N, C-alpha and C. Protein backbone atom coordinates (compact mmCIF):
# COMPACT_ATOMS: atom_id res chain seq x y z
N MET A 1 79.77 55.47 81.67
CA MET A 1 80.94 55.38 82.53
C MET A 1 81.63 56.73 82.58
N LYS A 2 82.11 57.12 83.76
CA LYS A 2 82.75 58.41 83.88
C LYS A 2 84.16 58.36 83.28
N LYS A 3 84.66 59.52 82.89
CA LYS A 3 85.99 59.60 82.35
C LYS A 3 87.01 59.38 83.46
N THR A 4 88.00 58.53 83.20
CA THR A 4 89.00 58.20 84.18
C THR A 4 90.37 58.23 83.52
N LYS A 5 91.36 58.77 84.18
CA LYS A 5 92.70 58.81 83.64
C LYS A 5 93.45 57.53 84.01
N PHE A 6 94.23 57.04 83.07
CA PHE A 6 95.03 55.86 83.29
C PHE A 6 96.48 56.16 82.93
N LEU A 7 97.41 55.50 83.58
CA LEU A 7 98.83 55.67 83.34
C LEU A 7 99.41 54.37 82.82
N ILE A 8 100.29 54.46 81.82
CA ILE A 8 100.84 53.27 81.18
C ILE A 8 101.58 52.40 82.19
N ALA A 9 101.40 51.08 82.04
CA ALA A 9 102.14 50.13 82.86
C ALA A 9 103.14 49.36 82.02
N THR A 10 102.76 48.93 80.84
CA THR A 10 103.67 48.19 79.98
C THR A 10 103.15 48.23 78.56
N ALA A 11 104.01 47.98 77.61
CA ALA A 11 103.58 48.04 76.21
C ALA A 11 104.36 47.05 75.38
N ILE A 12 103.73 46.55 74.32
CA ILE A 12 104.39 45.73 73.33
C ILE A 12 104.13 46.36 71.98
N LEU A 13 105.15 46.49 71.15
CA LEU A 13 105.02 47.17 69.87
C LEU A 13 104.88 46.17 68.74
N GLY A 14 104.11 46.55 67.72
CA GLY A 14 104.02 45.76 66.51
C GLY A 14 103.77 46.67 65.33
N ILE A 15 104.28 46.33 64.16
CA ILE A 15 104.03 47.09 62.94
C ILE A 15 103.33 46.16 61.97
N ALA A 16 102.25 46.65 61.34
CA ALA A 16 101.42 45.74 60.57
C ALA A 16 100.96 46.31 59.26
N THR A 17 100.87 45.44 58.25
CA THR A 17 100.04 45.67 57.09
C THR A 17 98.88 44.69 57.25
N PHE A 18 98.12 44.91 58.30
CA PHE A 18 97.03 44.04 58.72
C PHE A 18 97.51 42.67 59.17
N VAL A 19 98.79 42.52 59.50
CA VAL A 19 99.29 41.31 60.15
C VAL A 19 100.38 41.74 61.12
N ALA A 20 100.21 41.43 62.39
CA ALA A 20 101.25 41.74 63.37
C ALA A 20 101.21 40.72 64.49
N ILE A 21 102.38 40.34 64.97
CA ILE A 21 102.47 39.42 66.10
C ILE A 21 103.59 39.92 67.01
N ALA A 22 103.31 39.99 68.30
CA ALA A 22 104.35 40.31 69.26
C ALA A 22 104.10 39.46 70.51
N ALA A 23 105.16 39.04 71.16
CA ALA A 23 104.99 38.16 72.32
C ALA A 23 106.01 38.45 73.39
N ASP A 24 105.62 38.24 74.64
CA ASP A 24 106.49 38.51 75.78
C ASP A 24 105.80 37.88 76.99
N HIS A 25 106.42 36.87 77.60
CA HIS A 25 105.76 36.15 78.67
C HIS A 25 106.43 36.42 80.02
N ILE A 26 105.79 37.28 80.79
CA ILE A 26 106.14 37.65 82.17
C ILE A 26 107.63 37.70 82.46
N ASP A 27 108.35 38.54 81.72
CA ASP A 27 109.74 38.77 82.07
C ASP A 27 110.05 40.24 82.25
N ALA A 28 109.00 41.08 82.26
CA ALA A 28 109.20 42.50 82.54
C ALA A 28 109.07 42.70 84.05
N PRO A 29 110.14 43.11 84.75
CA PRO A 29 110.12 43.15 86.22
C PRO A 29 109.00 43.98 86.81
N ALA A 30 108.63 45.08 86.15
CA ALA A 30 107.63 45.98 86.73
C ALA A 30 106.25 45.36 86.78
N VAL A 31 105.98 44.38 85.92
CA VAL A 31 104.62 43.82 85.85
C VAL A 31 104.61 42.31 86.00
N GLN A 32 105.76 41.69 86.25
CA GLN A 32 105.84 40.24 86.30
C GLN A 32 104.84 39.65 87.28
N GLY A 33 104.02 38.73 86.75
CA GLY A 33 103.04 38.07 87.59
C GLY A 33 101.85 38.92 87.94
N GLY A 34 101.75 40.13 87.39
CA GLY A 34 100.68 41.04 87.73
C GLY A 34 99.52 40.96 86.76
N THR A 35 98.45 41.67 87.09
CA THR A 35 97.24 41.63 86.27
C THR A 35 97.32 42.52 85.05
N SER A 36 98.40 43.28 84.90
CA SER A 36 98.56 44.15 83.74
C SER A 36 99.58 43.61 82.75
N ASP A 37 100.13 42.42 83.00
CA ASP A 37 101.19 41.89 82.16
C ASP A 37 100.63 41.41 80.82
N ILE A 38 101.15 41.94 79.72
CA ILE A 38 100.75 41.54 78.38
C ILE A 38 101.66 40.41 77.92
N THR A 39 101.07 39.31 77.44
CA THR A 39 101.87 38.20 76.93
C THR A 39 101.98 38.21 75.42
N ASP A 40 100.89 38.52 74.72
CA ASP A 40 100.89 38.49 73.26
C ASP A 40 100.01 39.60 72.70
N PHE A 41 100.35 40.03 71.51
CA PHE A 41 99.53 40.97 70.76
C PHE A 41 99.48 40.52 69.31
N TYR A 42 98.27 40.44 68.75
CA TYR A 42 98.07 40.05 67.37
C TYR A 42 97.17 41.07 66.67
N ALA A 43 97.46 41.34 65.41
CA ALA A 43 96.55 42.12 64.58
C ALA A 43 96.56 41.46 63.21
N PHE A 44 95.38 41.13 62.69
CA PHE A 44 95.32 40.39 61.44
C PHE A 44 93.98 40.60 60.76
N GLN A 45 93.93 40.30 59.47
CA GLN A 45 92.69 40.41 58.71
C GLN A 45 91.70 39.38 59.20
N GLY A 46 90.45 39.78 59.36
CA GLY A 46 89.43 38.88 59.85
C GLY A 46 88.98 37.89 58.79
N GLU A 47 88.17 36.90 59.23
CA GLU A 47 87.58 35.96 58.28
C GLU A 47 86.78 36.73 57.24
N ASN A 48 86.07 37.75 57.70
CA ASN A 48 85.49 38.73 56.79
C ASN A 48 86.62 39.66 56.39
N THR A 49 87.07 39.60 55.14
CA THR A 49 88.26 40.31 54.72
C THR A 49 88.12 41.83 54.76
N SER A 50 86.92 42.31 55.04
CA SER A 50 86.70 43.75 55.20
C SER A 50 86.98 44.19 56.63
N ASN A 51 87.31 43.25 57.50
CA ASN A 51 87.54 43.55 58.92
C ASN A 51 88.99 43.31 59.31
N ILE A 52 89.39 43.92 60.41
CA ILE A 52 90.69 43.66 61.04
C ILE A 52 90.45 43.32 62.50
N ALA A 53 91.17 42.31 62.99
CA ALA A 53 91.02 41.86 64.37
C ALA A 53 92.25 42.24 65.18
N PHE A 54 92.01 42.68 66.41
CA PHE A 54 93.06 42.99 67.36
C PHE A 54 92.89 42.07 68.57
N VAL A 55 93.99 41.45 69.01
CA VAL A 55 93.94 40.51 70.13
C VAL A 55 95.03 40.86 71.13
N ALA A 56 94.65 41.03 72.38
CA ALA A 56 95.61 41.21 73.47
C ALA A 56 95.42 40.09 74.47
N ASN A 57 96.50 39.39 74.79
CA ASN A 57 96.48 38.36 75.83
C ASN A 57 97.25 38.87 77.03
N ILE A 58 96.69 38.68 78.21
CA ILE A 58 97.32 39.13 79.45
C ILE A 58 97.31 38.02 80.47
N GLN A 59 98.09 38.21 81.54
CA GLN A 59 98.16 37.26 82.67
C GLN A 59 98.50 35.85 82.17
N GLY A 60 99.68 35.70 81.62
CA GLY A 60 100.10 34.43 81.04
C GLY A 60 100.43 33.36 82.06
N LEU A 61 100.62 32.14 81.53
CA LEU A 61 101.01 30.97 82.30
C LEU A 61 100.01 30.60 83.39
N LEU A 62 98.72 30.84 83.10
CA LEU A 62 97.68 30.38 84.02
C LEU A 62 97.51 28.87 83.85
N GLY A 63 97.39 28.16 84.95
CA GLY A 63 97.18 26.71 84.89
C GLY A 63 95.81 26.37 84.34
N SER A 64 95.62 25.10 84.03
CA SER A 64 94.36 24.68 83.41
C SER A 64 93.25 24.44 84.43
N GLY A 65 93.54 24.58 85.71
CA GLY A 65 92.54 24.35 86.74
C GLY A 65 92.13 25.62 87.45
N SER A 66 92.35 25.65 88.77
CA SER A 66 91.87 26.76 89.59
C SER A 66 92.56 28.07 89.24
N ASP A 67 93.80 28.01 88.74
CA ASP A 67 94.49 29.25 88.37
C ASP A 67 93.68 30.03 87.36
N THR A 68 93.17 29.33 86.34
CA THR A 68 92.38 29.99 85.31
C THR A 68 90.98 30.29 85.81
N GLN A 69 90.38 29.38 86.57
CA GLN A 69 89.02 29.59 87.08
C GLN A 69 88.96 30.83 87.96
N ASN A 70 90.02 31.08 88.71
CA ASN A 70 90.03 32.22 89.64
C ASN A 70 90.61 33.49 89.03
N ALA A 71 91.17 33.38 87.84
CA ALA A 71 91.75 34.56 87.20
C ALA A 71 90.64 35.51 86.77
N ALA A 72 90.91 36.80 86.86
CA ALA A 72 89.91 37.79 86.48
C ALA A 72 90.59 39.02 85.91
N PHE A 73 89.90 39.70 85.02
CA PHE A 73 90.39 40.97 84.52
C PHE A 73 90.37 41.99 85.65
N ASP A 74 91.43 42.75 85.77
CA ASP A 74 91.56 43.77 86.80
C ASP A 74 90.77 45.01 86.38
N GLU A 75 89.80 45.41 87.18
CA GLU A 75 88.97 46.56 86.83
C GLU A 75 89.73 47.88 86.92
N ASN A 76 90.94 47.86 87.46
CA ASN A 76 91.77 49.06 87.52
C ASN A 76 92.77 49.13 86.37
N VAL A 77 92.69 48.16 85.45
CA VAL A 77 93.61 48.10 84.32
C VAL A 77 92.82 48.22 83.02
N MET A 78 93.24 49.13 82.17
CA MET A 78 92.65 49.29 80.86
C MET A 78 93.62 48.78 79.81
N ILE A 79 93.12 48.02 78.84
CA ILE A 79 93.90 47.59 77.69
C ILE A 79 93.58 48.54 76.55
N GLU A 80 94.63 49.12 75.96
CA GLU A 80 94.45 50.12 74.91
C GLU A 80 95.20 49.69 73.65
N PHE A 81 94.44 49.45 72.59
CA PHE A 81 95.03 49.20 71.27
C PHE A 81 95.26 50.55 70.60
N ASN A 82 96.47 50.80 70.16
CA ASN A 82 96.82 52.06 69.51
C ASN A 82 97.01 51.84 68.03
N ILE A 83 96.51 52.77 67.22
CA ILE A 83 96.57 52.64 65.77
C ILE A 83 97.10 53.93 65.18
N ASP A 84 98.22 53.82 64.48
CA ASP A 84 98.80 54.95 63.75
C ASP A 84 98.58 54.69 62.27
N ASN A 85 97.74 55.49 61.62
CA ASN A 85 97.46 55.29 60.20
C ASN A 85 98.07 56.37 59.31
N THR A 86 98.99 57.17 59.90
CA THR A 86 99.65 58.24 59.12
C THR A 86 101.16 58.07 59.06
N GLY A 87 101.69 57.07 59.75
CA GLY A 87 103.11 56.76 59.65
C GLY A 87 104.03 57.59 60.51
N ASP A 88 103.47 58.32 61.50
CA ASP A 88 104.33 59.14 62.35
C ASP A 88 104.58 58.52 63.72
N ASN A 89 104.14 57.28 63.92
CA ASN A 89 104.34 56.54 65.17
C ASN A 89 103.67 57.20 66.38
N VAL A 90 102.62 57.96 66.12
CA VAL A 90 101.77 58.52 67.17
C VAL A 90 100.36 58.02 66.93
N GLU A 91 99.69 57.59 67.98
CA GLU A 91 98.36 57.00 67.80
C GLU A 91 97.35 58.03 67.28
N ASP A 92 96.72 57.68 66.17
CA ASP A 92 95.63 58.48 65.62
C ASP A 92 94.28 58.00 66.13
N LEU A 93 94.21 56.70 66.43
CA LEU A 93 92.99 56.08 66.93
C LEU A 93 93.34 55.16 68.08
N VAL A 94 92.40 54.97 68.99
CA VAL A 94 92.57 53.99 70.07
C VAL A 94 91.30 53.15 70.19
N ILE A 95 91.50 51.92 70.64
CA ILE A 95 90.41 51.05 71.07
C ILE A 95 90.71 50.70 72.52
N GLN A 96 89.82 51.04 73.42
CA GLN A 96 90.04 50.85 74.84
C GLN A 96 89.10 49.79 75.39
N ALA A 97 89.62 48.92 76.23
CA ALA A 97 88.81 47.86 76.83
C ALA A 97 89.03 47.85 78.34
N ILE A 98 87.93 47.86 79.08
CA ILE A 98 88.03 47.85 80.54
C ILE A 98 86.88 47.03 81.12
N ALA A 99 87.20 46.22 82.12
CA ALA A 99 86.22 45.33 82.73
C ALA A 99 85.44 46.03 83.84
N ARG A 100 84.15 45.72 83.92
CA ARG A 100 83.29 46.21 85.00
C ARG A 100 82.20 45.18 85.26
N ASP A 101 82.18 44.64 86.48
CA ASP A 101 81.08 43.79 86.94
C ASP A 101 80.76 42.65 85.96
N GLY A 102 81.78 41.93 85.55
CA GLY A 102 81.57 40.75 84.71
C GLY A 102 81.39 41.04 83.24
N LYS A 103 81.57 42.28 82.84
CA LYS A 103 81.45 42.66 81.43
C LYS A 103 82.71 43.39 80.99
N MET A 104 83.00 43.31 79.68
CA MET A 104 84.10 44.07 79.11
C MET A 104 83.50 45.17 78.26
N TYR A 105 83.86 46.41 78.57
CA TYR A 105 83.40 47.57 77.83
C TYR A 105 84.49 47.96 76.84
N VAL A 106 84.12 48.06 75.57
CA VAL A 106 85.08 48.37 74.51
C VAL A 106 84.65 49.67 73.84
N PHE A 107 85.57 50.64 73.80
CA PHE A 107 85.30 51.95 73.21
C PHE A 107 86.28 52.19 72.06
N GLY A 108 85.77 52.63 70.90
CA GLY A 108 86.60 52.93 69.76
C GLY A 108 86.35 51.94 68.63
N PRO A 109 87.12 52.10 67.53
CA PRO A 109 88.22 53.03 67.35
C PRO A 109 87.76 54.48 67.26
N THR A 110 88.49 55.33 67.96
CA THR A 110 88.18 56.75 67.98
C THR A 110 89.44 57.53 68.31
N ALA A 111 89.44 58.81 68.00
CA ALA A 111 90.61 59.64 68.32
C ALA A 111 90.79 59.71 69.84
N PRO A 112 92.01 59.59 70.33
CA PRO A 112 92.24 59.66 71.77
C PRO A 112 92.06 61.08 72.30
N VAL A 113 91.70 61.17 73.59
CA VAL A 113 91.63 62.47 74.24
C VAL A 113 93.02 63.10 74.28
N GLN A 114 94.04 62.25 74.49
CA GLN A 114 95.42 62.70 74.52
C GLN A 114 96.30 61.54 74.07
N THR A 115 97.46 61.83 73.54
CA THR A 115 98.39 60.80 73.12
C THR A 115 99.47 60.63 74.17
N GLY A 116 100.21 59.53 74.06
CA GLY A 116 101.32 59.32 74.97
C GLY A 116 100.98 58.42 76.14
N LEU A 117 101.62 58.69 77.29
CA LEU A 117 101.56 57.77 78.42
C LEU A 117 100.24 57.80 79.17
N ASN A 118 99.57 58.94 79.20
CA ASN A 118 98.31 59.05 79.93
C ASN A 118 97.12 58.89 78.99
N SER A 119 96.05 58.29 79.48
CA SER A 119 94.85 58.10 78.68
C SER A 119 93.61 58.41 79.50
N THR A 120 92.57 58.82 78.82
CA THR A 120 91.25 59.01 79.41
C THR A 120 90.26 58.15 78.65
N ILE A 121 89.37 57.46 79.35
CA ILE A 121 88.38 56.61 78.69
C ILE A 121 87.51 57.45 77.78
N VAL A 122 87.38 57.01 76.53
CA VAL A 122 86.59 57.76 75.54
C VAL A 122 85.17 57.19 75.48
N SER A 123 84.50 57.22 76.61
CA SER A 123 83.18 56.58 76.73
C SER A 123 82.10 57.29 75.95
N ASN A 124 82.39 58.49 75.43
CA ASN A 124 81.38 59.24 74.69
C ASN A 124 81.40 58.94 73.19
N THR A 125 82.28 58.01 72.75
CA THR A 125 82.34 57.67 71.34
C THR A 125 81.11 56.86 70.91
N ALA A 126 80.71 57.04 69.66
CA ALA A 126 79.59 56.26 69.13
C ALA A 126 79.99 54.83 68.86
N ASN A 127 81.30 54.56 68.73
CA ASN A 127 81.78 53.21 68.47
C ASN A 127 82.05 52.51 69.80
N GLN A 128 81.15 51.66 70.23
CA GLN A 128 81.35 50.93 71.47
C GLN A 128 80.52 49.67 71.49
N VAL A 129 81.01 48.68 72.25
CA VAL A 129 80.31 47.41 72.40
C VAL A 129 80.59 46.88 73.80
N VAL A 130 79.60 46.22 74.39
CA VAL A 130 79.72 45.63 75.72
C VAL A 130 79.49 44.13 75.60
N VAL A 131 80.38 43.33 76.15
CA VAL A 131 80.26 41.88 76.05
C VAL A 131 80.44 41.25 77.43
N ASP A 132 79.63 40.24 77.74
CA ASP A 132 79.81 39.47 78.97
C ASP A 132 81.14 38.73 78.90
N ILE A 133 81.88 38.74 79.99
CA ILE A 133 83.15 38.00 80.03
C ILE A 133 82.84 36.51 80.10
N THR A 134 83.40 35.75 79.17
CA THR A 134 83.14 34.31 79.09
C THR A 134 83.80 33.59 80.26
N PRO A 135 83.06 32.82 81.05
CA PRO A 135 83.67 32.05 82.13
C PRO A 135 84.55 30.93 81.58
N TYR A 136 85.49 30.49 82.38
CA TYR A 136 86.39 29.41 81.99
C TYR A 136 85.61 28.14 81.68
N GLY A 137 85.95 27.51 80.57
CA GLY A 137 85.34 26.24 80.20
C GLY A 137 84.03 26.35 79.45
N GLN A 138 83.54 27.58 79.23
CA GLN A 138 82.27 27.75 78.53
C GLN A 138 82.51 28.27 77.11
N SER A 139 81.51 28.08 76.26
CA SER A 139 81.60 28.54 74.88
C SER A 139 81.76 30.05 74.83
N ALA A 140 82.46 30.50 73.82
CA ALA A 140 82.76 31.92 73.70
C ALA A 140 81.50 32.76 73.57
N ILE A 141 81.43 33.82 74.36
CA ILE A 141 80.35 34.81 74.26
C ILE A 141 80.87 35.97 73.43
N VAL A 142 80.21 36.27 72.33
CA VAL A 142 80.62 37.34 71.43
C VAL A 142 79.47 38.34 71.31
N ALA A 143 79.78 39.61 71.42
CA ALA A 143 78.79 40.67 71.25
C ALA A 143 79.18 41.52 70.05
N SER A 144 78.19 42.12 69.42
CA SER A 144 78.46 42.97 68.26
C SER A 144 77.61 44.23 68.33
N SER A 145 78.13 45.30 67.74
CA SER A 145 77.42 46.57 67.69
C SER A 145 78.07 47.44 66.63
N GLY A 146 77.26 47.96 65.72
CA GLY A 146 77.76 48.89 64.71
C GLY A 146 78.86 48.33 63.84
N GLY A 147 78.85 47.02 63.60
CA GLY A 147 79.88 46.38 62.78
C GLY A 147 81.06 45.88 63.58
N MET A 148 81.16 46.25 64.86
CA MET A 148 82.25 45.78 65.72
C MET A 148 81.83 44.49 66.42
N MET A 149 82.81 43.64 66.74
CA MET A 149 82.57 42.44 67.53
C MET A 149 83.63 42.36 68.62
N ALA A 150 83.26 41.78 69.77
CA ALA A 150 84.19 41.71 70.89
C ALA A 150 84.01 40.42 71.67
N PHE A 151 85.11 39.93 72.23
CA PHE A 151 85.14 38.77 73.12
C PHE A 151 86.13 39.08 74.24
N ALA A 152 85.85 38.57 75.43
CA ALA A 152 86.79 38.66 76.54
C ALA A 152 86.66 37.43 77.41
N GLY A 153 87.77 36.81 77.75
CA GLY A 153 87.72 35.64 78.61
C GLY A 153 88.96 34.79 78.49
N PRO A 154 89.05 33.70 79.26
CA PRO A 154 90.23 32.83 79.21
C PRO A 154 90.27 32.01 77.94
N ARG A 155 91.50 31.80 77.45
CA ARG A 155 91.72 30.97 76.27
C ARG A 155 93.08 30.27 76.41
N ASP A 156 93.22 29.17 75.68
CA ASP A 156 94.49 28.45 75.65
C ASP A 156 95.57 29.37 75.09
N ASP A 157 96.74 29.37 75.71
CA ASP A 157 97.84 30.22 75.26
C ASP A 157 98.30 29.75 73.87
N PRO A 158 98.19 30.61 72.84
CA PRO A 158 98.55 30.19 71.49
C PRO A 158 100.05 30.20 71.21
N PHE A 159 100.83 30.77 72.12
CA PHE A 159 102.26 30.93 71.88
C PHE A 159 102.96 29.58 72.00
N PHE A 160 103.87 29.29 71.05
CA PHE A 160 104.64 28.04 71.07
C PHE A 160 106.11 28.38 71.27
N MET A 161 106.71 27.75 72.28
CA MET A 161 108.14 27.96 72.53
C MET A 161 108.69 26.77 73.29
N ASP A 162 109.81 26.26 72.84
CA ASP A 162 110.50 25.17 73.53
C ASP A 162 111.61 25.79 74.37
N PHE A 163 111.26 26.17 75.60
CA PHE A 163 112.22 26.88 76.43
C PHE A 163 113.38 25.99 76.88
N ALA A 164 113.11 24.70 77.06
CA ALA A 164 114.19 23.80 77.47
C ALA A 164 115.27 23.74 76.40
N GLN A 165 114.85 23.59 75.14
CA GLN A 165 115.82 23.54 74.06
C GLN A 165 116.48 24.90 73.85
N TYR A 166 115.70 25.96 74.05
CA TYR A 166 116.26 27.32 73.97
C TYR A 166 117.40 27.47 74.98
N GLY A 167 117.19 26.96 76.19
CA GLY A 167 118.23 27.02 77.21
C GLY A 167 119.47 26.24 76.81
N GLN A 168 119.26 25.11 76.14
CA GLN A 168 120.39 24.32 75.67
C GLN A 168 121.18 25.07 74.60
N ILE A 169 120.46 25.76 73.72
CA ILE A 169 121.13 26.53 72.66
C ILE A 169 121.93 27.68 73.26
N ILE A 170 121.29 28.43 74.17
CA ILE A 170 121.98 29.56 74.81
C ILE A 170 123.20 29.09 75.59
N GLY A 171 123.07 27.90 76.21
CA GLY A 171 124.18 27.36 77.00
C GLY A 171 125.27 26.72 76.16
N GLY A 172 125.10 26.68 74.85
CA GLY A 172 126.11 26.11 73.97
C GLY A 172 126.08 24.61 73.87
N ASN A 173 124.99 23.99 74.36
CA ASN A 173 124.89 22.53 74.35
C ASN A 173 124.10 22.00 73.17
N ALA A 174 123.51 22.89 72.37
CA ALA A 174 122.76 22.49 71.18
C ALA A 174 122.88 23.59 70.14
N ALA A 175 122.74 23.19 68.87
CA ALA A 175 122.93 24.17 67.79
C ALA A 175 121.61 24.66 67.23
N SER A 176 120.52 23.92 67.45
CA SER A 176 119.25 24.30 66.84
C SER A 176 118.10 23.71 67.63
N PHE A 177 116.89 24.15 67.27
CA PHE A 177 115.68 23.60 67.88
C PHE A 177 115.36 22.25 67.28
N ASN A 178 114.68 21.42 68.04
CA ASN A 178 114.22 20.12 67.55
C ASN A 178 112.98 20.30 66.69
N ASN A 179 112.76 19.37 65.78
CA ASN A 179 111.57 19.40 64.93
C ASN A 179 110.92 18.00 64.94
N PRO A 180 109.79 17.85 65.68
CA PRO A 180 109.07 18.92 66.41
C PRO A 180 109.70 19.19 67.77
N GLY A 181 109.46 20.38 68.27
CA GLY A 181 109.92 20.72 69.60
C GLY A 181 108.86 20.39 70.64
N THR A 182 109.14 20.77 71.88
CA THR A 182 108.20 20.58 72.99
C THR A 182 107.64 21.93 73.38
N ASP A 183 106.33 22.07 73.36
CA ASP A 183 105.70 23.35 73.66
C ASP A 183 105.66 23.57 75.17
N THR A 184 106.47 24.51 75.64
CA THR A 184 106.51 24.83 77.07
C THR A 184 105.17 25.36 77.57
N PHE A 185 104.38 25.98 76.67
CA PHE A 185 103.13 26.61 77.07
C PHE A 185 101.92 25.69 76.93
N ALA A 186 102.14 24.44 76.54
CA ALA A 186 101.02 23.51 76.39
C ALA A 186 100.27 23.37 77.70
N GLY A 187 98.95 23.52 77.65
CA GLY A 187 98.12 23.37 78.84
C GLY A 187 98.00 24.62 79.68
N SER A 188 98.67 25.71 79.28
CA SER A 188 98.54 26.95 80.04
C SER A 188 97.57 27.88 79.33
N ASN A 189 97.06 28.85 80.07
CA ASN A 189 96.02 29.73 79.55
C ASN A 189 96.39 31.20 79.75
N VAL A 190 95.65 32.04 79.06
CA VAL A 190 95.77 33.49 79.18
C VAL A 190 94.37 34.08 79.25
N LEU A 191 94.27 35.34 79.63
CA LEU A 191 93.02 36.08 79.49
C LEU A 191 93.11 36.89 78.20
N SER A 192 92.12 36.73 77.34
CA SER A 192 92.16 37.34 76.01
C SER A 192 91.09 38.42 75.86
N ILE A 193 91.45 39.45 75.12
CA ILE A 193 90.50 40.46 74.65
C ILE A 193 90.63 40.50 73.13
N VAL A 194 89.52 40.25 72.45
CA VAL A 194 89.51 40.23 70.99
C VAL A 194 88.50 41.26 70.50
N VAL A 195 88.95 42.15 69.63
CA VAL A 195 88.07 43.17 69.06
C VAL A 195 88.24 43.13 67.54
N GLU A 196 87.15 42.96 66.82
CA GLU A 196 87.18 42.97 65.37
C GLU A 196 86.36 44.15 64.87
N VAL A 197 86.96 44.94 63.98
CA VAL A 197 86.30 46.15 63.50
C VAL A 197 86.41 46.22 61.98
N PRO A 198 85.49 46.89 61.31
CA PRO A 198 85.63 47.12 59.87
C PRO A 198 86.87 47.95 59.57
N LYS A 199 87.57 47.60 58.51
CA LYS A 199 88.74 48.37 58.13
C LYS A 199 88.38 49.82 57.83
N SER A 200 87.14 50.04 57.43
CA SER A 200 86.70 51.41 57.12
C SER A 200 86.75 52.30 58.34
N MET A 201 86.73 51.72 59.55
CA MET A 201 86.83 52.51 60.77
C MET A 201 88.27 52.91 61.07
N ILE A 202 89.23 52.25 60.41
CA ILE A 202 90.64 52.48 60.69
C ILE A 202 91.21 53.58 59.80
N GLY A 203 90.80 53.59 58.51
CA GLY A 203 91.29 54.61 57.60
C GLY A 203 92.73 54.39 57.20
N GLY A 204 93.33 55.39 56.60
CA GLY A 204 94.71 55.28 56.16
C GLY A 204 94.83 54.57 54.83
N SER A 205 96.06 54.25 54.45
CA SER A 205 96.35 53.68 53.14
C SER A 205 96.24 52.17 53.09
N GLY A 206 96.01 51.52 54.23
CA GLY A 206 95.99 50.07 54.30
C GLY A 206 97.16 49.52 55.07
N THR A 207 98.20 50.31 55.29
CA THR A 207 99.33 49.93 56.14
C THR A 207 99.26 50.76 57.42
N ILE A 208 99.29 50.09 58.56
CA ILE A 208 99.19 50.78 59.83
C ILE A 208 100.31 50.35 60.76
N ASN A 209 100.62 51.20 61.71
CA ASN A 209 101.43 50.83 62.87
C ASN A 209 100.46 50.60 64.02
N THR A 210 100.64 49.54 64.74
CA THR A 210 99.72 49.26 65.85
C THR A 210 100.48 48.66 67.02
N TRP A 211 100.08 49.03 68.22
CA TRP A 211 100.68 48.49 69.43
C TRP A 211 99.63 48.48 70.52
N VAL A 212 99.89 47.73 71.57
CA VAL A 212 98.93 47.62 72.67
C VAL A 212 99.62 47.98 73.98
N GLU A 213 98.87 48.60 74.86
CA GLU A 213 99.38 49.00 76.16
C GLU A 213 98.40 48.56 77.24
N SER A 214 98.92 48.26 78.41
CA SER A 214 98.08 48.12 79.60
C SER A 214 98.32 49.34 80.47
N LYS A 215 97.24 49.96 80.94
CA LYS A 215 97.35 51.18 81.71
C LYS A 215 96.55 51.04 83.01
N ARG A 216 97.17 51.37 84.10
CA ARG A 216 96.55 51.23 85.41
C ARG A 216 95.98 52.55 85.87
N ARG A 217 94.79 52.48 86.50
CA ARG A 217 94.13 53.69 86.99
C ARG A 217 95.04 54.45 87.96
N GLN A 218 95.11 55.77 87.79
CA GLN A 218 95.90 56.61 88.67
C GLN A 218 95.17 56.84 89.98
């Protein structure tokens, strides 16, 4: 793949000691309802405790029918996982994911060509894996290469929030959430990108800062 420059569209921040969760469901005006909108970001230790998994969910609140069946990764949008392993809040490593012709191409973790708002695809890195995008309703397709594993496709939205009760609390009509509450996101889907890599590829002391960005082709 040729090198292509991308410009940041939106970002969600998280700080992790191999556990991070951040969430935001289509309330950023610049990307609301768009193909670059990030809903959730997770980073956590894998089932294999020598690995760390990074998960980015985009295009939230997809319905369980045709909305999800027709949803697709935007080939003009790159998802970039940023990893700071020196504590200066500047990315030392990136993992980049971009869709092409029904496949998700994942590059990294590797040093970025440049830091900050602009990015160039690091397609010349030795760390890369290509996975077929899993169609809606089918079993997960997972690809692996060089110790890395990757998945891309629609999944049930894991985020739980009782927005109706939240509205009551904000409006002064309730003091707390119900137990159990009502999951506003039940039955809705997202498009997920999951990348699992050996911790040895990340380096550092074991505590990292990590965040994810969606970047649109210039």
